[in-house]
């Protein structure tokens, strides 16, 4: 199979509740020509904290080892909250394929978060496909991204 024209290095991680969906998404990514870094977890029967995996994904993005991160946990909430603690992460928790294009176009999201307990595998694949094949828009959206990067909690 030929690589997808927009193939990017992808880091993916999940807590114990996202292990099964993570395995399916890794297969999809590899079938579409993406290089995948699997940061764990590997077992659904051993409880782990999603926050630890969000931190590992953030490190992949910070150090340029991956262009996009994909995080999975039960609801997706903790993975997204933890990811967004880092100023260079723009994590987005998506529930529908219709949301995926806007997350990339308007927010230039670089971390896709999915709720393993709330999505079926087909929907998750479709969200991932749209997320990876949609580019960020420029103009006012680029200005918004730049403003977001300059937000500083100490200014409050």
N, C-alpha and C. Protein backbone atom coordinates (compact mmCIF):
# COMPACT_ATOMS: atom_id res chain seq x y z
N UNK A 1 0.85 -1.18 0.00
CA UNK A 1 0.00 0.00 0.00
C UNK A 1 0.89 1.24 0.00
N UNK A 2 0.54 2.21 -0.80
CA UNK A 2 1.29 3.47 -0.87
C UNK A 2 1.03 4.30 0.38
N UNK A 3 2.05 5.03 0.85
CA UNK A 3 1.82 5.89 2.02
C UNK A 3 0.79 6.96 1.69
N UNK A 4 0.04 7.33 2.69
CA UNK A 4 -0.92 8.42 2.56
C UNK A 4 -0.14 9.68 2.24
N UNK A 5 -0.63 10.54 1.33
CA UNK A 5 0.14 11.73 0.95
C UNK A 5 0.44 12.67 2.11
N UNK A 6 -0.36 12.61 3.17
CA UNK A 6 -0.14 13.49 4.31
C UNK A 6 0.48 12.72 5.48
N UNK A 7 1.17 11.61 5.19
CA UNK A 7 1.72 10.77 6.25
C UNK A 7 2.65 11.57 7.15
N UNK A 8 2.47 11.42 8.44
CA UNK A 8 3.23 12.15 9.45
C UNK A 8 3.67 11.17 10.54
N UNK A 9 4.78 11.47 11.23
CA UNK A 9 5.11 10.64 12.39
C UNK A 9 4.10 10.92 13.52
N UNK A 10 3.52 9.86 14.03
CA UNK A 10 2.44 9.96 15.02
C UNK A 10 2.87 9.26 16.30
N UNK A 11 2.67 9.91 17.45
CA UNK A 11 2.83 9.26 18.75
C UNK A 11 1.44 8.94 19.27
N UNK A 12 1.28 7.76 19.84
CA UNK A 12 -0.02 7.35 20.35
C UNK A 12 0.18 6.69 21.71
N UNK A 13 -0.76 6.96 22.61
CA UNK A 13 -0.72 6.37 23.95
C UNK A 13 -2.13 6.27 24.50
N UNK A 14 -2.30 5.35 25.42
CA UNK A 14 -3.61 5.13 26.03
C UNK A 14 -3.43 4.63 27.45
N UNK A 15 -4.44 4.91 28.26
CA UNK A 15 -4.47 4.24 29.56
C UNK A 15 -5.05 2.85 29.35
N UNK A 16 -5.30 2.14 30.43
CA UNK A 16 -5.79 0.76 30.34
C UNK A 16 -7.13 0.66 29.61
N UNK A 17 -7.96 1.68 29.71
CA UNK A 17 -9.27 1.63 29.07
C UNK A 17 -9.18 1.88 27.57
N UNK A 18 -8.08 2.43 27.09
CA UNK A 18 -7.93 2.72 25.68
C UNK A 18 -7.05 1.75 24.91
N UNK A 19 -6.55 0.70 25.57
CA UNK A 19 -5.59 -0.21 24.95
C UNK A 19 -6.16 -0.87 23.68
N UNK A 20 -7.37 -1.35 23.73
CA UNK A 20 -7.95 -2.07 22.58
C UNK A 20 -8.12 -1.12 21.39
N UNK A 21 -8.68 0.05 21.63
CA UNK A 21 -8.86 1.01 20.55
C UNK A 21 -7.51 1.49 20.03
N UNK A 22 -6.54 1.67 20.89
CA UNK A 22 -5.20 2.09 20.46
C UNK A 22 -4.62 1.08 19.48
N UNK A 23 -4.74 -0.20 19.76
CA UNK A 23 -4.21 -1.23 18.87
C UNK A 23 -4.87 -1.13 17.49
N UNK A 24 -6.16 -0.91 17.47
CA UNK A 24 -6.87 -0.78 16.18
C UNK A 24 -6.39 0.46 15.42
N UNK A 25 -6.22 1.58 16.12
CA UNK A 25 -5.79 2.81 15.46
C UNK A 25 -4.34 2.70 14.98
N UNK A 26 -3.51 1.99 15.69
CA UNK A 26 -2.14 1.76 15.22
C UNK A 26 -2.16 1.01 13.90
N UNK A 27 -2.98 -0.02 13.81
CA UNK A 27 -3.10 -0.76 12.54
C UNK A 27 -3.55 0.16 11.42
N UNK A 28 -4.53 1.01 11.70
CA UNK A 28 -5.03 1.94 10.69
C UNK A 28 -3.92 2.90 10.26
N UNK A 29 -3.22 3.46 11.22
CA UNK A 29 -2.15 4.41 10.92
C UNK A 29 -1.06 3.76 10.06
N UNK A 30 -0.63 2.59 10.44
CA UNK A 30 0.42 1.91 9.69
C UNK A 30 -0.05 1.55 8.29
N UNK A 31 -1.30 1.14 8.15
CA UNK A 31 -1.85 0.81 6.83
C UNK A 31 -1.89 2.03 5.93
N UNK A 32 -1.92 3.22 6.53
CA UNK A 32 -1.96 4.47 5.76
C UNK A 32 -0.58 5.14 5.69
N UNK A 33 0.46 4.39 5.98
CA UNK A 33 1.82 4.86 5.76
C UNK A 33 2.44 5.72 6.85
N UNK A 34 1.80 5.82 7.99
CA UNK A 34 2.34 6.63 9.08
C UNK A 34 3.35 5.84 9.90
N UNK A 35 4.39 6.54 10.34
CA UNK A 35 5.31 5.98 11.31
C UNK A 35 4.69 6.21 12.68
N UNK A 36 4.59 5.16 13.47
CA UNK A 36 3.88 5.24 14.75
C UNK A 36 4.82 4.92 15.91
N UNK A 37 4.81 5.79 16.91
CA UNK A 37 5.49 5.53 18.18
C UNK A 37 4.43 5.17 19.20
N UNK A 38 4.42 3.92 19.64
CA UNK A 38 3.46 3.44 20.63
C UNK A 38 4.07 3.62 22.00
N UNK A 39 3.51 4.55 22.79
CA UNK A 39 4.04 4.86 24.11
C UNK A 39 3.33 4.11 25.24
N UNK A 40 2.49 3.12 24.89
CA UNK A 40 1.79 2.34 25.90
C UNK A 40 0.41 2.93 26.16
N UNK A 41 -0.26 2.40 27.07
CA UNK A 41 -0.11 1.19 27.84
C UNK A 41 -0.37 -0.03 26.95
N UNK A 42 0.02 -1.18 27.46
CA UNK A 42 -0.10 -2.39 26.67
C UNK A 42 -1.07 -3.42 27.25
N UNK A 43 -1.59 -3.12 28.43
CA UNK A 43 -2.47 -4.09 29.10
C UNK A 43 -3.74 -3.41 29.56
N UNK A 44 -4.85 -4.04 29.26
CA UNK A 44 -6.14 -3.52 29.71
C UNK A 44 -6.48 -3.97 31.11
N UNK A 45 -5.77 -4.97 31.62
CA UNK A 45 -6.10 -5.53 32.93
C UNK A 45 -5.29 -4.93 34.08
N UNK A 46 -4.46 -3.93 33.78
CA UNK A 46 -3.66 -3.29 34.82
C UNK A 46 -3.91 -1.79 34.77
N UNK A 47 -4.54 -1.25 35.81
CA UNK A 47 -4.90 0.16 35.85
C UNK A 47 -3.67 1.05 35.81
N UNK A 48 -3.71 2.06 34.94
CA UNK A 48 -2.67 3.08 34.84
C UNK A 48 -3.34 4.44 34.74
N UNK A 49 -2.59 5.50 34.94
CA UNK A 49 -3.15 6.85 34.94
C UNK A 49 -2.95 7.52 33.58
N UNK A 50 -4.02 7.96 32.98
CA UNK A 50 -3.97 8.62 31.68
C UNK A 50 -3.04 9.83 31.68
N UNK A 51 -2.94 10.51 32.82
CA UNK A 51 -2.10 11.70 32.90
C UNK A 51 -0.65 11.38 32.54
N UNK A 52 -0.15 10.24 32.99
CA UNK A 52 1.23 9.86 32.70
C UNK A 52 1.46 9.70 31.19
N UNK A 53 0.47 9.21 30.50
CA UNK A 53 0.59 9.00 29.06
C UNK A 53 0.44 10.32 28.30
N UNK A 54 -0.35 11.24 28.82
CA UNK A 54 -0.44 12.57 28.22
C UNK A 54 0.91 13.29 28.31
N UNK A 55 1.58 13.12 29.43
CA UNK A 55 2.91 13.73 29.60
C UNK A 55 3.90 13.12 28.60
N UNK A 56 3.84 11.82 28.42
CA UNK A 56 4.74 11.16 27.46
C UNK A 56 4.46 11.66 26.04
N UNK A 57 3.20 11.86 25.69
CA UNK A 57 2.86 12.40 24.37
C UNK A 57 3.38 13.82 24.22
N UNK A 58 3.24 14.61 25.26
CA UNK A 58 3.73 15.99 25.22
C UNK A 58 5.23 16.01 24.96
N UNK A 59 5.98 15.11 25.57
CA UNK A 59 7.43 15.05 25.36
C UNK A 59 7.75 14.73 23.90
N UNK A 60 6.99 13.85 23.29
CA UNK A 60 7.21 13.51 21.88
C UNK A 60 7.04 14.74 21.00
N UNK A 61 6.01 15.53 21.27
CA UNK A 61 5.78 16.73 20.47
C UNK A 61 6.85 17.79 20.76
N UNK A 62 7.15 17.99 22.02
CA UNK A 62 8.13 19.02 22.39
C UNK A 62 9.48 18.77 21.74
N UNK A 63 9.89 17.53 21.70
CA UNK A 63 11.22 17.20 21.18
C UNK A 63 11.22 16.90 19.68
N UNK A 64 10.07 17.11 19.03
CA UNK A 64 10.00 16.97 17.58
C UNK A 64 10.07 15.55 17.06
N UNK A 65 9.84 14.57 17.92
CA UNK A 65 9.88 13.18 17.47
C UNK A 65 8.60 12.78 16.76
N UNK A 66 7.53 13.54 16.99
CA UNK A 66 6.24 13.30 16.34
C UNK A 66 5.63 14.63 15.98
N UNK A 67 4.86 14.64 14.90
CA UNK A 67 4.15 15.85 14.48
C UNK A 67 2.79 15.95 15.13
N UNK A 68 2.19 14.80 15.41
CA UNK A 68 0.84 14.72 15.96
C UNK A 68 0.85 13.68 17.07
N UNK A 69 0.08 13.93 18.13
CA UNK A 69 -0.10 12.97 19.20
C UNK A 69 -1.56 12.53 19.23
N UNK A 70 -1.77 11.28 19.58
CA UNK A 70 -3.11 10.73 19.75
C UNK A 70 -3.18 10.10 21.12
N UNK A 71 -4.11 10.55 21.95
CA UNK A 71 -4.27 10.03 23.29
C UNK A 71 -5.64 9.44 23.49
N UNK A 72 -5.69 8.32 24.19
CA UNK A 72 -6.97 7.65 24.46
C UNK A 72 -7.07 7.30 25.93
N UNK A 73 -8.22 7.58 26.49
CA UNK A 73 -8.54 7.08 27.83
C UNK A 73 -10.04 6.86 27.85
N UNK A 74 -10.58 6.45 28.96
CA UNK A 74 -11.99 6.09 29.00
C UNK A 74 -12.91 7.14 28.41
N UNK A 75 -12.92 8.32 28.99
CA UNK A 75 -13.77 9.40 28.49
C UNK A 75 -13.01 10.36 27.59
N UNK A 76 -11.69 10.34 27.68
CA UNK A 76 -10.85 11.30 26.97
C UNK A 76 -10.58 12.55 27.77
N UNK A 77 -11.33 12.77 28.83
CA UNK A 77 -11.23 14.01 29.59
C UNK A 77 -9.85 14.22 30.22
N UNK A 78 -9.35 13.24 30.94
CA UNK A 78 -8.08 13.43 31.64
C UNK A 78 -6.93 13.60 30.67
N UNK A 79 -6.96 12.85 29.58
CA UNK A 79 -5.89 12.96 28.59
C UNK A 79 -5.88 14.38 27.99
N UNK A 80 -7.04 14.93 27.70
CA UNK A 80 -7.12 16.27 27.13
C UNK A 80 -6.73 17.34 28.15
N UNK A 81 -7.22 17.22 29.36
CA UNK A 81 -6.91 18.20 30.40
C UNK A 81 -5.41 18.21 30.67
N UNK A 82 -4.82 17.03 30.83
CA UNK A 82 -3.39 16.95 31.12
C UNK A 82 -2.57 17.47 29.93
N UNK A 83 -2.95 17.10 28.73
CA UNK A 83 -2.22 17.57 27.55
C UNK A 83 -2.22 19.08 27.44
N UNK A 84 -3.33 19.69 27.73
CA UNK A 84 -3.44 21.14 27.59
C UNK A 84 -2.76 21.92 28.70
N UNK A 85 -2.15 21.23 29.64
CA UNK A 85 -1.34 21.92 30.66
C UNK A 85 -0.02 22.44 30.08
N UNK A 86 0.35 21.94 28.92
CA UNK A 86 1.61 22.33 28.28
C UNK A 86 1.32 23.40 27.23
N UNK A 87 2.06 24.50 27.24
CA UNK A 87 1.74 25.62 26.35
C UNK A 87 1.89 25.31 24.86
N UNK A 88 2.63 24.29 24.51
CA UNK A 88 2.84 23.94 23.10
C UNK A 88 1.86 22.86 22.62
N UNK A 89 1.00 22.40 23.50
CA UNK A 89 0.00 21.39 23.15
C UNK A 89 -1.34 22.08 22.93
N UNK A 90 -1.98 21.68 21.86
CA UNK A 90 -3.35 22.11 21.57
C UNK A 90 -4.16 20.82 21.42
N UNK A 91 -4.55 20.27 22.58
CA UNK A 91 -5.29 19.00 22.61
C UNK A 91 -6.77 19.26 22.42
N UNK A 92 -7.39 18.39 21.64
CA UNK A 92 -8.81 18.50 21.40
C UNK A 92 -9.46 17.14 21.59
N UNK A 93 -10.50 17.09 22.39
CA UNK A 93 -11.28 15.88 22.63
C UNK A 93 -12.43 15.90 21.63
N UNK A 94 -12.44 14.93 20.74
CA UNK A 94 -13.46 14.90 19.69
C UNK A 94 -14.39 13.71 19.88
N UNK A 95 -15.66 13.95 19.62
CA UNK A 95 -16.68 12.92 19.74
C UNK A 95 -17.27 12.52 18.41
N UNK A 96 -17.15 13.40 17.41
CA UNK A 96 -17.73 13.13 16.10
C UNK A 96 -16.74 13.50 15.00
N UNK A 97 -16.91 12.87 13.85
CA UNK A 97 -16.07 13.17 12.69
C UNK A 97 -16.28 14.61 12.23
N UNK A 98 -17.48 15.13 12.42
CA UNK A 98 -17.79 16.50 11.99
C UNK A 98 -16.95 17.53 12.74
N UNK A 99 -16.52 17.23 13.94
CA UNK A 99 -15.71 18.17 14.72
C UNK A 99 -14.24 18.19 14.30
N UNK A 100 -13.78 17.15 13.64
CA UNK A 100 -12.35 16.97 13.39
C UNK A 100 -11.76 18.05 12.49
N UNK A 101 -12.43 18.41 11.42
CA UNK A 101 -11.88 19.40 10.50
C UNK A 101 -11.72 20.75 11.19
N UNK A 102 -12.71 21.16 11.94
CA UNK A 102 -12.63 22.45 12.64
C UNK A 102 -11.52 22.49 13.67
N UNK A 103 -11.29 21.38 14.35
CA UNK A 103 -10.22 21.33 15.35
C UNK A 103 -8.87 21.60 14.71
N UNK A 104 -8.67 21.08 13.51
CA UNK A 104 -7.41 21.30 12.80
C UNK A 104 -7.40 22.66 12.10
N UNK A 105 -8.48 22.99 11.39
CA UNK A 105 -8.49 24.23 10.62
C UNK A 105 -8.44 25.46 11.50
N UNK A 106 -9.26 25.50 12.52
CA UNK A 106 -9.41 26.70 13.34
C UNK A 106 -8.48 26.74 14.54
N UNK A 107 -8.17 25.57 15.10
CA UNK A 107 -7.35 25.55 16.31
C UNK A 107 -5.96 24.99 16.11
N UNK A 108 -5.66 24.49 14.92
CA UNK A 108 -4.37 23.86 14.65
C UNK A 108 -4.02 22.86 15.75
N UNK A 109 -5.02 22.06 16.15
CA UNK A 109 -4.81 21.07 17.20
C UNK A 109 -3.69 20.12 16.81
N UNK A 110 -2.81 19.82 17.75
CA UNK A 110 -1.71 18.89 17.47
C UNK A 110 -1.79 17.62 18.32
N UNK A 111 -2.83 17.54 19.15
CA UNK A 111 -3.06 16.33 19.94
C UNK A 111 -4.54 15.98 19.87
N UNK A 112 -4.81 14.85 19.26
CA UNK A 112 -6.17 14.33 19.16
C UNK A 112 -6.42 13.42 20.36
N UNK A 113 -7.52 13.67 21.04
CA UNK A 113 -7.89 12.84 22.19
C UNK A 113 -9.24 12.20 21.89
N UNK A 114 -9.32 10.91 22.17
CA UNK A 114 -10.55 10.16 21.93
C UNK A 114 -10.94 9.39 23.18
N UNK A 115 -12.22 9.32 23.43
CA UNK A 115 -12.75 8.55 24.55
C UNK A 115 -13.01 7.12 24.13
N UNK A 116 -12.24 6.21 24.65
CA UNK A 116 -12.36 4.80 24.27
C UNK A 116 -13.70 4.20 24.70
N UNK A 117 -14.29 4.73 25.76
CA UNK A 117 -15.57 4.20 26.23
C UNK A 117 -16.76 4.83 25.50
N UNK A 118 -16.52 5.89 24.74
CA UNK A 118 -17.62 6.63 24.15
C UNK A 118 -17.69 6.52 22.63
N UNK A 119 -16.66 5.97 22.00
CA UNK A 119 -16.61 5.89 20.54
C UNK A 119 -16.49 4.46 20.06
N UNK A 120 -17.15 4.14 18.96
CA UNK A 120 -16.89 2.85 18.33
C UNK A 120 -15.65 3.02 17.44
N UNK A 121 -15.02 1.92 17.11
CA UNK A 121 -13.74 1.96 16.38
C UNK A 121 -13.88 2.63 15.01
N UNK A 122 -14.96 2.40 14.31
CA UNK A 122 -15.16 3.02 13.00
C UNK A 122 -15.22 4.54 13.09
N UNK A 123 -15.93 5.05 14.07
CA UNK A 123 -16.00 6.50 14.26
C UNK A 123 -14.64 7.05 14.63
N UNK A 124 -13.93 6.36 15.50
CA UNK A 124 -12.59 6.80 15.90
C UNK A 124 -11.66 6.87 14.69
N UNK A 125 -11.72 5.87 13.82
CA UNK A 125 -10.89 5.88 12.61
C UNK A 125 -11.24 7.04 11.70
N UNK A 126 -12.52 7.31 11.55
CA UNK A 126 -12.95 8.41 10.67
C UNK A 126 -12.49 9.75 11.25
N UNK A 127 -12.62 9.94 12.56
CA UNK A 127 -12.14 11.17 13.21
C UNK A 127 -10.64 11.31 12.96
N UNK A 128 -9.90 10.23 13.17
CA UNK A 128 -8.45 10.25 12.97
C UNK A 128 -8.10 10.61 11.53
N UNK A 129 -8.79 10.02 10.58
CA UNK A 129 -8.53 10.30 9.16
C UNK A 129 -8.72 11.78 8.84
N UNK A 130 -9.83 12.34 9.27
CA UNK A 130 -10.10 13.75 8.99
C UNK A 130 -9.08 14.63 9.70
N UNK A 131 -8.78 14.31 10.93
CA UNK A 131 -7.81 15.08 11.71
C UNK A 131 -6.46 15.13 11.00
N UNK A 132 -6.01 14.00 10.48
CA UNK A 132 -4.70 13.92 9.86
C UNK A 132 -4.64 14.50 8.45
N UNK A 133 -5.76 14.59 7.80
CA UNK A 133 -5.76 15.07 6.41
C UNK A 133 -6.25 16.51 6.28
N UNK A 134 -6.47 17.17 7.40
CA UNK A 134 -6.92 18.56 7.38
C UNK A 134 -5.80 19.46 7.88
N UNK A 135 -5.54 20.51 7.13
CA UNK A 135 -4.49 21.46 7.51
C UNK A 135 -5.10 22.65 8.25
N UNK A 136 -4.27 23.29 9.04
CA UNK A 136 -4.68 24.51 9.74
C UNK A 136 -4.84 25.65 8.73
N UNK A 137 -5.81 26.48 8.98
CA UNK A 137 -6.00 27.68 8.16
C UNK A 137 -5.09 28.79 8.65
N UNK A 138 -4.76 29.70 7.80
CA UNK A 138 -3.92 30.84 8.17
C UNK A 138 -4.78 32.01 8.61
N UNK A 139 -4.30 33.20 8.32
CA UNK A 139 -4.98 34.45 8.61
C UNK A 139 -5.37 34.55 10.08
N UNK A 140 -6.64 34.84 10.33
CA UNK A 140 -7.07 35.07 11.72
C UNK A 140 -6.89 33.84 12.60
N UNK A 141 -6.91 32.65 12.00
CA UNK A 141 -6.74 31.44 12.79
C UNK A 141 -5.28 31.29 13.22
N UNK A 142 -4.35 31.67 12.36
CA UNK A 142 -2.94 31.67 12.74
C UNK A 142 -2.69 32.71 13.83
N UNK A 143 -3.33 33.86 13.71
CA UNK A 143 -3.20 34.90 14.74
C UNK A 143 -3.74 34.38 16.07
N UNK A 144 -4.84 33.67 16.04
CA UNK A 144 -5.43 33.11 17.26
C UNK A 144 -4.48 32.11 17.90
N UNK A 145 -3.86 31.24 17.09
CA UNK A 145 -2.91 30.27 17.60
C UNK A 145 -1.72 30.98 18.26
N UNK A 146 -1.25 32.05 17.63
CA UNK A 146 -0.13 32.81 18.19
C UNK A 146 -0.52 33.47 19.51
N UNK A 147 -1.73 34.01 19.57
CA UNK A 147 -2.21 34.61 20.82
C UNK A 147 -2.32 33.55 21.91
N UNK A 148 -2.81 32.39 21.55
CA UNK A 148 -2.93 31.30 22.50
C UNK A 148 -1.57 30.92 23.08
N UNK A 149 -0.57 30.87 22.22
CA UNK A 149 0.78 30.51 22.68
C UNK A 149 1.35 31.54 23.66
N UNK A 150 0.86 32.76 23.58
CA UNK A 150 1.37 33.82 24.46
C UNK A 150 0.57 33.98 25.75
N UNK A 151 -0.52 33.25 25.88
CA UNK A 151 -1.31 33.34 27.12
C UNK A 151 -0.44 32.95 28.30
N UNK A 152 -0.55 33.71 29.35
CA UNK A 152 0.25 33.45 30.54
C UNK A 152 -0.62 33.61 31.76
N UNK A 153 -0.72 32.58 32.55
CA UNK A 153 -1.58 32.60 33.72
C UNK A 153 -1.14 33.66 34.73
N UNK A 154 0.13 34.01 34.72
CA UNK A 154 0.60 35.02 35.67
C UNK A 154 0.03 36.40 35.37
N UNK A 155 -0.53 36.57 34.17
CA UNK A 155 -1.13 37.86 33.81
C UNK A 155 -2.50 38.05 34.43
N UNK A 156 -3.05 37.03 35.03
CA UNK A 156 -4.41 37.13 35.62
C UNK A 156 -4.37 37.80 36.98
